[in-house]
Amino acid sequence: MSILTLMSRTTDRGRPEIEREQSPARVRPIELQTENGFSIIRRCDVDKSSSISGATHSFIVRDPYGYELDITVDITDASVAEIISRSRGRLTLASSYWIACAERHLATYLWEQEDYPPDAKITVDYLTPDDLDLALRWEADLPEHNDAAAISTIRFEPTKTIRTFVLETDSRSTPTPKPIKFLTENGYSIFRLSEVNKFVTDSAQECRFLVENPNGQNREIAVRFGEELIKEIQSRRRRGALPLASKYWLTMGEKYLGTYLWENNNYPPMAELTIDQLSGDDLLLAAYWKDGGED
């Protein structure tokens, strides 16, 4: 996809305001282009007074007909807290992760809705598996692309709906934070039981979840990892054995339970699921996984 450039909102909405001058001394901003013809440019790429950090970001969007509009994307506090928690504290609000996350959600919205959002604003109050995976793998911020010697182009291809899950949070402020709900495409909701009952502990031997089916019926499900799989993961480790109480097991258990529920449209037999095999990416993640507080 090509890179999108951010423009000021105007009353006639079609008047281009982005610098189009091509000079060897000036690097053009990166433009992200969706499959259905929308182009996105980060406002901070053309306006140095705009910050790349924080949970609120502005983008200049051009539709397939050449109309341009400023769009604001705001990531809710609950979503920010969840990402920081699941990144084991490596990500802060100063990270460029947030603008990348906001950009992906904006691109997804434009591709799915084929129109600008109402009031030129999007609120990100849910997280996708891609958001979480990106957070886990986000090691360090790259040098700003404005220092690059040439224009970069990116193609945004929307995630297929198959095996897509959404993490939902309640945006209403409550005295006690509600547990995160992991929602499958076919309507199953997954809660980590340890977030509901503080006496529950999770490990490679057993991760416990509360699952609600589309009819509102609840059932506790136990997810376990096979002994041979645990041995394989430990053999791949570069920084010592992965603790059996690591959050890695809970994260993978949640992911593979969601996949099972989507594929089978039913609870696993005997309310138990044993995982004997992981994808190559998940095995690689295990090799380098580091829980918060580890050296």
Protein backbone atom coordinates (compact mmCIF):
# COMPACT_ATOMS: atom_id res chain seq x y z
CA MET A 1 0.00 0.00 0.00
CA SER A 2 1.13 3.53 -0.46
CA ILE A 3 1.66 5.87 2.45
CA LEU A 4 -1.08 8.21 3.63
CA THR A 5 -0.55 11.89 4.29
CA LEU A 6 -2.49 13.85 6.90
CA MET A 7 -4.23 17.07 5.96
CA SER A 8 -6.08 19.82 7.75
CA ARG A 9 -9.84 19.53 7.75
CA THR A 10 -11.46 22.11 5.46
CA THR A 11 -15.04 23.09 4.82
CA ASP A 12 -14.89 22.04 1.18
CA ARG A 13 -13.05 18.87 2.23
CA GLY A 14 -11.55 18.44 -1.22
CA ARG A 15 -8.86 21.08 -1.13
CA PRO A 16 -5.47 19.39 -0.81
CA GLU A 17 -3.33 20.90 1.94
CA ILE A 18 -0.39 18.52 2.06
CA GLU A 19 2.91 19.73 0.77
CA ARG A 20 3.22 18.27 -2.71
CA GLU A 21 6.48 19.94 -3.54
CA GLN A 22 9.14 17.39 -4.43
CA SER A 23 12.57 18.52 -3.36
CA PRO A 24 15.72 16.44 -3.03
CA ALA A 25 16.22 18.01 0.41
CA ARG A 26 12.77 17.03 1.64
CA VAL A 27 11.67 13.46 2.36
CA ARG A 28 8.01 12.79 1.61
CA PRO A 29 5.88 11.35 4.41
CA ILE A 30 4.99 7.67 4.40
CA GLU A 31 1.57 6.96 2.94
CA LEU A 32 -0.52 3.94 3.88
CA GLN A 33 -3.06 2.89 1.28
CA THR A 34 -5.93 0.50 1.92
CA GLU A 35 -7.07 -2.06 -0.62
CA ASN A 36 -10.20 0.02 -1.34
CA GLY A 37 -8.32 3.21 -2.17
CA PHE A 38 -8.08 5.26 1.04
CA SER A 39 -4.73 6.87 1.77
CA ILE A 40 -3.48 7.67 5.29
CA ILE A 41 -0.64 9.96 6.38
CA ARG A 42 0.40 10.55 9.97
CA ARG A 43 -0.09 14.20 10.94
CA CYS A 44 3.22 14.15 12.82
CA ASP A 45 5.01 13.41 9.53
CA VAL A 46 3.97 16.75 8.07
CA ASP A 47 3.52 18.82 11.23
CA LYS A 48 6.44 18.68 13.63
CA SER A 49 4.31 20.18 16.41
CA SER A 50 2.32 16.94 16.49
CA SER A 51 3.68 14.26 18.81
CA ILE A 52 4.32 10.65 17.85
CA SER A 53 3.77 9.57 21.47
CA GLY A 54 0.62 9.25 23.54
CA ALA A 55 -2.70 7.48 23.01
CA THR A 56 -4.36 10.06 20.72
CA HIS A 57 -3.19 10.56 17.14
CA SER A 58 -4.25 12.50 14.07
CA PHE A 59 -4.10 11.34 10.47
CA ILE A 60 -4.75 12.94 7.11
CA VAL A 61 -7.00 10.68 5.06
CA ARG A 62 -7.77 10.93 1.36
CA ASP A 63 -10.67 8.90 -0.05
CA PRO A 64 -10.68 7.29 -3.53
CA TYR A 65 -12.33 10.44 -4.96
CA GLY A 66 -9.59 12.78 -3.75
CA TYR A 67 -11.44 14.29 -0.75
CA GLU A 68 -9.25 14.79 2.30
CA LEU A 69 -10.10 14.95 5.98
CA ASP A 70 -8.31 15.00 9.33
CA ILE A 71 -9.19 11.93 11.41
CA THR A 72 -8.42 11.54 15.11
CA VAL A 73 -7.90 8.11 16.67
CA ASP A 74 -8.08 7.79 20.45
CA ILE A 75 -7.04 4.63 22.30
CA THR A 76 -8.96 4.24 25.56
CA ASP A 77 -7.24 4.06 28.95
CA ALA A 78 -8.44 0.48 29.43
CA SER A 79 -6.89 -0.64 26.14
CA VAL A 80 -3.65 1.18 26.94
CA ALA A 81 -3.48 -0.46 30.37
CA GLU A 82 -4.06 -3.90 28.88
CA ILE A 83 -1.32 -3.48 26.27
CA ILE A 84 1.18 -2.16 28.83
CA SER A 85 0.34 -5.07 31.11
CA ARG A 86 0.65 -7.72 28.40
CA SER A 87 3.89 -6.20 27.09
CA ARG A 88 5.22 -6.83 30.59
CA GLY A 89 5.83 -3.12 31.09
CA ARG A 90 8.18 -2.69 28.12
CA LEU A 91 5.80 -0.31 26.35
CA THR A 92 5.09 3.15 27.70
CA LEU A 93 3.04 6.03 26.34
CA ALA A 94 6.26 7.39 24.84
CA SER A 95 6.49 4.39 22.48
CA SER A 96 5.69 4.72 18.79
CA TYR A 97 3.68 1.50 19.18
CA TRP A 98 0.52 3.55 19.86
CA ILE A 99 0.55 5.47 16.61
CA ALA A 100 1.13 2.21 14.72
CA CYS A 101 -1.81 0.64 16.57
CA ALA A 102 -4.05 3.66 15.90
CA GLU A 103 -3.07 3.62 12.23
CA ARG A 104 -3.98 -0.07 11.87
CA HIS A 105 -7.41 0.45 13.44
CA LEU A 106 -8.09 3.45 11.23
CA ALA A 107 -7.08 1.49 8.12
CA THR A 108 -9.31 -1.42 9.15
CA TYR A 109 -12.27 0.92 9.69
CA LEU A 110 -11.81 2.59 6.30
CA TRP A 111 -11.52 -0.75 4.55
CA GLU A 112 -14.60 -2.23 6.25
CA GLN A 113 -16.86 0.85 6.19
CA GLU A 114 -15.61 2.44 2.94
CA ASP A 115 -16.31 5.86 4.45
CA TYR A 116 -14.97 8.35 6.96
CA PRO A 117 -15.98 7.76 10.59
CA PRO A 118 -18.72 9.98 12.11
CA ASP A 119 -17.34 13.23 13.57
CA ALA A 120 -13.97 12.37 12.00
CA LYS A 121 -13.02 10.37 15.10
CA ILE A 122 -12.42 6.74 16.04
CA THR A 123 -12.19 5.40 19.59
CA VAL A 124 -10.22 2.18 20.00
CA ASP A 125 -11.95 0.42 22.90
CA TYR A 126 -11.14 -3.13 21.81
CA LEU A 127 -7.94 -4.98 21.00
CA THR A 128 -7.26 -7.52 18.29
CA PRO A 129 -4.86 -10.47 18.45
CA ASP A 130 -2.64 -8.54 16.03
CA ASP A 131 -2.47 -5.64 18.52
CA LEU A 132 -1.37 -8.00 21.28
CA ASP A 133 1.07 -9.90 19.10
CA LEU A 134 2.63 -6.64 17.90
CA ALA A 135 2.94 -5.43 21.50
CA LEU A 136 4.68 -8.63 22.56
CA ARG A 137 7.16 -8.38 19.71
CA TRP A 138 7.70 -4.61 19.86
CA GLU A 139 11.28 -4.45 21.08
CA ALA A 140 12.39 -0.88 20.40
CA ASP A 141 11.39 2.15 18.42
CA LEU A 142 12.96 2.34 14.98
CA PRO A 143 14.63 5.54 13.76
CA GLU A 144 12.03 7.99 12.51
CA HIS A 145 11.17 7.31 8.89
CA ASN A 146 11.57 11.00 8.14
CA ASP A 147 15.30 10.38 8.26
CA ALA A 148 15.08 7.76 5.54
CA ALA A 149 16.62 8.47 2.18
CA ALA A 150 13.63 7.40 0.17
CA ILE A 151 9.86 7.11 0.37
CA SER A 152 8.52 3.96 2.00
CA THR A 153 5.30 2.43 0.80
CA ILE A 154 3.09 0.12 2.82
CA ARG A 155 0.18 -2.00 1.66
CA PHE A 156 -2.57 -2.56 4.20
CA GLU A 157 -4.40 -5.83 3.73
CA PRO A 158 -7.22 -6.31 6.23
CA THR A 159 -7.09 -9.32 8.52
CA LYS A 160 -9.33 -12.16 7.37
CA THR A 161 -12.37 -12.72 9.56
CA ILE A 162 -11.43 -16.38 10.00
CA ARG A 163 -10.00 -17.00 13.47
CA THR A 164 -10.19 -13.35 14.35
CA PHE A 165 -10.91 -12.52 17.97
CA VAL A 166 -11.56 -9.25 19.75
CA LEU A 167 -10.66 -8.24 23.27
CA GLU A 168 -13.36 -6.02 24.70
CA THR A 169 -13.24 -3.75 27.71
CA ASP A 170 -15.97 -1.83 29.43
CA SER A 171 -15.21 1.83 28.78
CA ARG A 172 -17.43 2.99 31.65
CA SER A 173 -15.42 3.92 34.71
CA THR A 174 -16.13 1.61 37.64
CA PRO A 175 -14.50 1.36 41.06
CA THR A 176 -13.29 -2.19 40.28
CA PRO A 177 -11.88 -2.86 36.80
CA LYS A 178 -13.81 -5.52 34.93
CA PRO A 179 -11.93 -8.53 33.56
CA ILE A 180 -10.97 -8.48 29.90
CA LYS A 181 -13.38 -10.37 27.65
CA PHE A 182 -11.95 -12.27 24.68
CA LEU A 183 -14.67 -12.58 22.05
CA THR A 184 -14.54 -15.06 19.16
CA GLU A 185 -16.12 -14.39 15.78
CA ASN A 186 -18.87 -16.94 16.48
CA GLY A 187 -19.91 -15.37 19.76
CA TYR A 188 -18.03 -17.20 22.53
CA SER A 189 -16.70 -14.99 25.35
CA ILE A 190 -13.58 -16.03 27.26
CA PHE A 191 -12.54 -14.64 30.64
CA ARG A 192 -9.38 -15.52 32.51
CA LEU A 193 -10.67 -17.08 35.71
CA SER A 194 -7.68 -15.71 37.61
CA GLU A 195 -8.95 -12.19 36.83
CA VAL A 196 -12.33 -13.08 38.33
CA ASN A 197 -11.13 -15.18 41.26
CA LYS A 198 -7.82 -14.07 42.79
CA PHE A 199 -7.38 -17.48 44.44
CA VAL A 200 -6.96 -19.11 41.01
CA THR A 201 -3.41 -19.50 39.71
CA ASP A 202 -2.42 -20.47 36.18
CA SER A 203 0.48 -22.61 34.98
CA ALA A 204 1.58 -24.82 32.11
CA GLN A 205 -0.18 -27.70 33.85
CA GLU A 206 -3.50 -25.87 33.98
CA CYS A 207 -4.88 -22.50 32.86
CA ARG A 208 -8.51 -21.95 33.78
CA PHE A 209 -11.05 -19.91 31.84
CA LEU A 210 -14.70 -19.00 32.19
CA VAL A 211 -16.39 -19.37 28.79
CA GLU A 212 -19.84 -18.08 27.85
CA ASN A 213 -21.46 -19.42 24.69
CA PRO A 214 -23.69 -17.32 22.37
CA ASN A 215 -26.77 -18.47 24.34
CA GLY A 216 -25.42 -17.03 27.59
CA GLN A 217 -24.50 -20.38 29.19
CA ASN A 218 -21.27 -20.41 31.22
CA ARG A 219 -18.73 -23.17 31.72
CA GLU A 220 -15.28 -23.38 33.25
CA ILE A 221 -12.65 -24.75 30.85
CA ALA A 222 -9.20 -26.02 31.79
CA VAL A 223 -6.40 -25.71 29.22
CA ARG A 224 -3.26 -27.81 29.66
CA PHE A 225 0.00 -28.13 27.73
CA GLY A 226 1.38 -31.55 26.84
CA GLU A 227 4.59 -32.66 28.53
CA GLU A 228 6.42 -33.16 25.23
CA LEU A 229 5.45 -29.66 24.11
CA ILE A 230 6.71 -28.18 27.38
CA LYS A 231 10.01 -30.01 26.91
CA GLU A 232 10.31 -28.75 23.33
CA ILE A 233 9.71 -25.16 24.44
CA GLN A 234 12.30 -25.45 27.21
CA SER A 235 14.85 -26.85 24.75
CA ARG A 236 14.44 -23.75 22.58
CA ARG A 237 15.02 -21.28 25.41
CA ARG A 238 18.08 -19.04 25.27
CA ARG A 239 17.71 -17.41 28.70
CA GLY A 240 17.00 -20.32 30.96
CA ALA A 241 13.86 -22.37 31.45
CA LEU A 242 10.47 -20.71 30.99
CA PRO A 243 8.75 -20.73 34.41
CA LEU A 244 5.74 -23.01 34.52
CA ALA A 245 3.83 -20.09 36.07
CA SER A 246 4.81 -17.70 33.25
CA LYS A 247 2.11 -15.57 31.64
CA TYR A 248 3.14 -17.16 28.34
CA TRP A 249 1.08 -20.27 29.07
CA LEU A 250 -2.02 -18.26 29.93
CA THR A 251 -1.63 -16.14 26.77
CA MET A 252 -1.25 -19.20 24.54
CA GLY A 253 -4.02 -21.09 26.35
CA GLU A 254 -6.41 -18.21 25.71
CA LYS A 255 -5.42 -18.00 22.06
CA TYR A 256 -5.76 -21.72 21.30
CA LEU A 257 -8.97 -22.06 23.30
CA GLY A 258 -10.41 -19.24 21.18
CA THR A 259 -9.34 -21.05 18.02
CA TYR A 260 -10.93 -24.30 19.23
CA LEU A 261 -14.24 -22.60 20.04
CA TRP A 262 -14.31 -20.89 16.65
CA GLU A 263 -13.48 -24.04 14.68
CA ASN A 264 -15.72 -26.44 16.61
CA ASN A 265 -18.49 -24.07 17.70
CA ASN A 266 -18.74 -25.99 20.95
CA TYR A 267 -17.02 -26.51 24.29
CA PRO A 268 -14.15 -29.02 24.35
CA PRO A 269 -15.10 -32.50 25.66
CA MET A 270 -15.07 -32.87 29.46
CA ALA A 271 -14.43 -29.10 29.66
CA GLU A 272 -10.71 -29.73 29.07
CA LEU A 273 -8.36 -28.82 26.23
CA THR A 274 -4.83 -30.20 25.92
CA ILE A 275 -2.43 -28.36 23.62
CA ASP A 276 0.26 -30.63 22.15
CA GLN A 277 1.44 -28.42 19.28
CA LEU A 278 2.06 -24.71 18.69
CA SER A 279 2.68 -22.73 15.52
CA GLY A 280 6.22 -21.82 14.51
CA ASP A 281 5.65 -18.19 15.48
CA ASP A 282 4.36 -19.16 18.93
CA LEU A 283 7.35 -21.45 19.50
CA LEU A 284 9.66 -18.62 18.51
CA LEU A 285 7.84 -16.32 20.90
CA ALA A 286 8.32 -18.89 23.67
CA ALA A 287 12.06 -18.98 23.03
CA TYR A 288 12.38 -15.27 23.77
CA TRP A 289 9.48 -14.70 26.16
CA LYS A 290 10.34 -12.63 29.20
CA ASP A 291 7.86 -11.99 31.99
CA GLY A 292 7.75 -8.65 33.77
CA GLY A 293 10.29 -8.43 36.57
CA GLU A 294 12.75 -10.84 34.96
CA ASP A 295 16.33 -9.70 34.43
